[in-house]
Amino acid sequence: MSLNKKQIQHLKGVAHPLKPVVLLGNNGLTEAVVAEIDYALNHHELIKVKIPTEDKETKALIVEAICRETKSTQVQVIGKTLVIYRESAEKKIRIPKS
């Protein structure tokens, strides 16, 4: 799913007060972590994931893998926090059409 600028801005506003739901540990991105992110996306649609790494390249690879494995859309990355969105069967978040 691709989002336009207006939709991304709306989701950033909705995500602002949220706390990270999933925190990556020392083992990095494991199958269990991906499953937890998938479950959280089904339940919330819009979540924050904390990625504890300083290396920009590593972080970019982790973000790409999370989005690919969970079939979600990256909304933004601020510092060590990733915001992702995936529409669920029962739409919880209304995003503007255009």
N, C-alpha and C. Protein backbone atom coordinates (compact mmCIF):
# COMPACT_ATOMS: atom_id res chain seq x y z
N MET A 1 0.85 -1.18 0.00
CA MET A 1 0.00 0.00 0.00
C MET A 1 0.89 1.24 0.00
N SER A 2 0.64 2.13 -0.93
CA SER A 2 1.42 3.37 -0.96
C SER A 2 0.55 4.51 -0.45
N LEU A 3 1.17 5.38 0.30
CA LEU A 3 0.47 6.51 0.90
C LEU A 3 0.98 7.80 0.28
N ASN A 4 0.08 8.77 0.11
CA ASN A 4 0.53 10.07 -0.38
C ASN A 4 0.95 10.95 0.80
N LYS A 5 1.46 12.14 0.51
CA LYS A 5 2.00 13.02 1.57
C LYS A 5 0.94 13.39 2.61
N LYS A 6 -0.28 13.67 2.16
CA LYS A 6 -1.34 14.05 3.08
C LYS A 6 -1.68 12.91 4.04
N GLN A 7 -1.74 11.69 3.51
CA GLN A 7 -2.04 10.52 4.33
C GLN A 7 -0.91 10.25 5.34
N ILE A 8 0.34 10.41 4.89
CA ILE A 8 1.48 10.22 5.79
C ILE A 8 1.45 11.26 6.90
N GLN A 9 1.18 12.51 6.56
CA GLN A 9 1.09 13.57 7.57
C GLN A 9 0.01 13.24 8.60
N HIS A 10 -1.13 12.75 8.13
CA HIS A 10 -2.24 12.39 9.03
C HIS A 10 -1.81 11.27 9.99
N LEU A 11 -1.15 10.24 9.44
CA LEU A 11 -0.71 9.12 10.27
C LEU A 11 0.37 9.54 11.26
N LYS A 12 1.25 10.47 10.87
CA LYS A 12 2.26 10.98 11.80
C LYS A 12 1.58 11.65 12.99
N GLY A 13 0.53 12.42 12.71
CA GLY A 13 -0.21 13.08 13.78
C GLY A 13 -0.89 12.09 14.71
N VAL A 14 -1.45 11.03 14.13
CA VAL A 14 -2.11 10.00 14.94
C VAL A 14 -1.07 9.24 15.77
N ALA A 15 0.11 9.01 15.22
CA ALA A 15 1.15 8.23 15.89
C ALA A 15 1.88 9.01 16.98
N HIS A 16 1.83 10.33 16.92
CA HIS A 16 2.61 11.16 17.84
C HIS A 16 2.47 10.76 19.31
N PRO A 17 1.25 10.60 19.85
CA PRO A 17 1.14 10.28 21.28
C PRO A 17 1.39 8.81 21.62
N LEU A 18 1.54 7.94 20.62
CA LEU A 18 1.70 6.51 20.87
C LEU A 18 3.06 6.19 21.49
N LYS A 19 3.08 5.15 22.29
CA LYS A 19 4.32 4.62 22.85
C LYS A 19 4.76 3.43 22.00
N PRO A 20 6.06 3.13 21.94
CA PRO A 20 6.50 1.95 21.18
C PRO A 20 5.86 0.67 21.72
N VAL A 21 5.33 -0.15 20.82
CA VAL A 21 4.65 -1.39 21.19
C VAL A 21 5.63 -2.55 21.22
N VAL A 22 6.60 -2.53 20.30
CA VAL A 22 7.59 -3.60 20.19
C VAL A 22 8.98 -3.01 20.32
N LEU A 23 9.81 -3.66 21.13
CA LEU A 23 11.19 -3.22 21.33
C LEU A 23 12.11 -4.34 20.86
N LEU A 24 13.01 -4.04 19.92
CA LEU A 24 13.98 -5.04 19.49
C LEU A 24 15.02 -5.22 20.58
N GLY A 25 15.37 -6.45 20.87
CA GLY A 25 16.35 -6.75 21.91
C GLY A 25 17.74 -6.95 21.35
N ASN A 26 18.59 -7.59 22.14
CA ASN A 26 19.97 -7.83 21.74
C ASN A 26 20.08 -8.78 20.56
N ASN A 27 19.08 -9.66 20.39
CA ASN A 27 19.12 -10.64 19.30
C ASN A 27 18.70 -10.03 17.97
N GLY A 28 18.26 -8.78 17.97
CA GLY A 28 17.88 -8.12 16.73
C GLY A 28 16.51 -8.56 16.24
N LEU A 29 16.37 -8.64 14.93
CA LEU A 29 15.09 -8.97 14.31
C LEU A 29 14.97 -10.49 14.16
N THR A 30 14.26 -11.12 15.08
CA THR A 30 14.05 -12.57 15.03
C THR A 30 12.65 -12.86 14.52
N GLU A 31 12.36 -14.13 14.27
CA GLU A 31 11.02 -14.52 13.82
C GLU A 31 9.97 -14.17 14.87
N ALA A 32 10.32 -14.32 16.13
CA ALA A 32 9.38 -14.00 17.22
C ALA A 32 9.05 -12.51 17.23
N VAL A 33 10.05 -11.67 16.98
CA VAL A 33 9.82 -10.23 16.95
C VAL A 33 8.93 -9.86 15.76
N VAL A 34 9.18 -10.47 14.60
CA VAL A 34 8.36 -10.22 13.42
C VAL A 34 6.91 -10.65 13.69
N ALA A 35 6.74 -11.79 14.35
CA ALA A 35 5.40 -12.27 14.69
C ALA A 35 4.70 -11.31 15.64
N GLU A 36 5.44 -10.77 16.60
CA GLU A 36 4.87 -9.81 17.55
C GLU A 36 4.47 -8.52 16.84
N ILE A 37 5.29 -8.04 15.92
CA ILE A 37 4.97 -6.84 15.13
C ILE A 37 3.72 -7.10 14.29
N ASP A 38 3.65 -8.27 13.67
CA ASP A 38 2.50 -8.64 12.85
C ASP A 38 1.22 -8.65 13.69
N TYR A 39 1.30 -9.24 14.89
CA TYR A 39 0.15 -9.28 15.80
C TYR A 39 -0.27 -7.86 16.20
N ALA A 40 0.70 -7.03 16.54
CA ALA A 40 0.41 -5.65 16.95
C ALA A 40 -0.23 -4.86 15.81
N LEU A 41 0.24 -5.08 14.58
CA LEU A 41 -0.35 -4.39 13.42
C LEU A 41 -1.79 -4.83 13.20
N ASN A 42 -2.07 -6.12 13.38
CA ASN A 42 -3.45 -6.61 13.25
C ASN A 42 -4.35 -5.96 14.28
N HIS A 43 -3.81 -5.74 15.45
CA HIS A 43 -4.60 -5.20 16.55
C HIS A 43 -4.73 -3.68 16.51
N HIS A 44 -3.66 -2.97 16.13
CA HIS A 44 -3.63 -1.50 16.21
C HIS A 44 -3.61 -0.77 14.86
N GLU A 45 -3.13 -1.40 13.81
CA GLU A 45 -2.92 -0.81 12.48
C GLU A 45 -1.72 0.13 12.41
N LEU A 46 -1.54 0.98 13.40
CA LEU A 46 -0.44 1.95 13.41
C LEU A 46 0.36 1.74 14.69
N ILE A 47 1.64 1.39 14.55
CA ILE A 47 2.44 1.10 15.75
C ILE A 47 3.82 1.74 15.64
N LYS A 48 4.47 1.84 16.80
CA LYS A 48 5.86 2.28 16.86
C LYS A 48 6.71 1.09 17.29
N VAL A 49 7.88 0.98 16.67
CA VAL A 49 8.84 -0.08 16.99
C VAL A 49 10.16 0.60 17.35
N LYS A 50 10.72 0.21 18.49
CA LYS A 50 12.00 0.79 18.94
C LYS A 50 13.14 -0.08 18.42
N ILE A 51 14.07 0.54 17.69
CA ILE A 51 15.21 -0.16 17.11
C ILE A 51 16.49 0.38 17.76
N PRO A 52 17.05 -0.35 18.73
CA PRO A 52 18.20 0.17 19.47
C PRO A 52 19.54 -0.03 18.76
N THR A 53 19.78 0.77 17.73
CA THR A 53 21.08 0.71 17.05
C THR A 53 21.48 2.11 16.62
N GLU A 54 22.76 2.38 16.67
CA GLU A 54 23.28 3.68 16.27
C GLU A 54 23.63 3.71 14.79
N ASP A 55 23.93 2.54 14.22
CA ASP A 55 24.38 2.44 12.84
C ASP A 55 23.22 2.66 11.86
N LYS A 56 23.33 3.69 11.02
CA LYS A 56 22.25 4.06 10.10
C LYS A 56 21.99 2.96 9.07
N GLU A 57 23.05 2.33 8.55
CA GLU A 57 22.87 1.28 7.55
C GLU A 57 22.15 0.07 8.14
N THR A 58 22.55 -0.32 9.34
CA THR A 58 21.90 -1.46 10.01
C THR A 58 20.44 -1.15 10.27
N LYS A 59 20.17 0.07 10.75
CA LYS A 59 18.80 0.47 11.03
C LYS A 59 17.96 0.44 9.76
N ALA A 60 18.52 0.94 8.65
CA ALA A 60 17.80 0.96 7.37
C ALA A 60 17.47 -0.47 6.92
N LEU A 61 18.41 -1.39 7.10
CA LEU A 61 18.17 -2.79 6.73
C LEU A 61 17.07 -3.41 7.60
N ILE A 62 17.09 -3.11 8.89
CA ILE A 62 16.07 -3.63 9.80
C ILE A 62 14.70 -3.08 9.44
N VAL A 63 14.62 -1.78 9.17
CA VAL A 63 13.35 -1.14 8.80
C VAL A 63 12.80 -1.78 7.52
N GLU A 64 13.67 -1.96 6.53
CA GLU A 64 13.26 -2.56 5.27
C GLU A 64 12.74 -3.99 5.48
N ALA A 65 13.44 -4.76 6.31
CA ALA A 65 13.05 -6.14 6.58
C ALA A 65 11.70 -6.20 7.31
N ILE A 66 11.51 -5.31 8.28
CA ILE A 66 10.24 -5.28 9.03
C ILE A 66 9.09 -4.98 8.08
N CYS A 67 9.24 -3.97 7.24
CA CYS A 67 8.17 -3.60 6.30
C CYS A 67 7.90 -4.71 5.30
N ARG A 68 8.95 -5.37 4.83
CA ARG A 68 8.78 -6.45 3.85
C ARG A 68 8.10 -7.66 4.49
N GLU A 69 8.57 -8.07 5.67
CA GLU A 69 8.05 -9.27 6.33
C GLU A 69 6.61 -9.10 6.82
N THR A 70 6.25 -7.90 7.23
CA THR A 70 4.90 -7.68 7.78
C THR A 70 3.96 -7.07 6.75
N LYS A 71 4.48 -6.81 5.54
CA LYS A 71 3.69 -6.18 4.47
C LYS A 71 3.06 -4.87 4.94
N SER A 72 3.86 -4.08 5.65
CA SER A 72 3.39 -2.81 6.19
C SER A 72 4.07 -1.66 5.44
N THR A 73 3.59 -0.45 5.71
CA THR A 73 4.12 0.75 5.08
C THR A 73 4.85 1.59 6.12
N GLN A 74 6.06 2.01 5.79
CA GLN A 74 6.81 2.88 6.70
C GLN A 74 6.20 4.27 6.65
N VAL A 75 5.86 4.80 7.82
CA VAL A 75 5.33 6.16 7.92
C VAL A 75 6.48 7.12 8.17
N GLN A 76 7.32 6.79 9.17
CA GLN A 76 8.49 7.63 9.45
C GLN A 76 9.45 6.91 10.38
N VAL A 77 10.69 7.39 10.39
CA VAL A 77 11.71 6.94 11.33
C VAL A 77 12.26 8.18 11.99
N ILE A 78 12.14 8.23 13.32
CA ILE A 78 12.71 9.35 14.08
C ILE A 78 13.64 8.75 15.12
N GLY A 79 14.91 9.05 14.99
CA GLY A 79 15.88 8.50 15.93
C GLY A 79 15.88 6.98 15.87
N LYS A 80 15.55 6.35 16.99
CA LYS A 80 15.51 4.89 17.06
C LYS A 80 14.10 4.34 16.97
N THR A 81 13.14 5.18 16.62
CA THR A 81 11.74 4.78 16.59
C THR A 81 11.20 4.73 15.16
N LEU A 82 10.63 3.59 14.81
CA LEU A 82 10.02 3.38 13.50
C LEU A 82 8.50 3.39 13.67
N VAL A 83 7.82 4.11 12.79
CA VAL A 83 6.35 4.13 12.79
C VAL A 83 5.90 3.43 11.51
N ILE A 84 5.09 2.36 11.67
CA ILE A 84 4.60 1.63 10.50
C ILE A 84 3.08 1.50 10.55
N TYR A 85 2.49 1.33 9.36
CA TYR A 85 1.05 1.25 9.23
C TYR A 85 0.69 0.09 8.31
N ARG A 86 -0.35 -0.64 8.69
CA ARG A 86 -0.93 -1.66 7.82
C ARG A 86 -2.42 -1.73 8.11
N GLU A 87 -3.20 -1.57 7.05
CA GLU A 87 -4.65 -1.60 7.20
C GLU A 87 -5.11 -2.99 7.60
N SER A 88 -6.04 -3.08 8.56
CA SER A 88 -6.57 -4.38 8.96
C SER A 88 -7.97 -4.55 8.39
N ALA A 89 -8.54 -5.74 8.59
CA ALA A 89 -9.87 -6.03 8.04
C ALA A 89 -10.92 -5.06 8.58
N GLU A 90 -10.88 -4.83 9.89
CA GLU A 90 -11.78 -3.83 10.49
C GLU A 90 -10.99 -2.53 10.64
N LYS A 91 -11.28 -1.60 9.78
CA LYS A 91 -10.49 -0.36 9.73
C LYS A 91 -10.69 0.44 11.01
N LYS A 92 -9.59 0.63 11.75
CA LYS A 92 -9.63 1.36 13.01
C LYS A 92 -9.25 2.84 12.81
N ILE A 93 -8.39 3.10 11.83
CA ILE A 93 -7.91 4.45 11.58
C ILE A 93 -8.44 4.91 10.23
N ARG A 94 -9.09 6.06 10.22
CA ARG A 94 -9.57 6.62 8.95
C ARG A 94 -8.46 7.53 8.41
N ILE A 95 -8.01 7.21 7.20
CA ILE A 95 -7.01 8.06 6.58
C ILE A 95 -7.68 8.81 5.42
N PRO A 96 -7.27 10.06 5.21
CA PRO A 96 -7.87 10.85 4.13
C PRO A 96 -7.63 10.20 2.76
N LYS A 97 -8.57 10.39 1.87
CA LYS A 97 -8.48 9.79 0.53
C LYS A 97 -7.34 10.39 -0.28
N SER A 98 -7.19 11.72 -0.22
CA SER A 98 -6.14 12.34 -1.03
C SER A 98 -5.48 13.48 -0.28
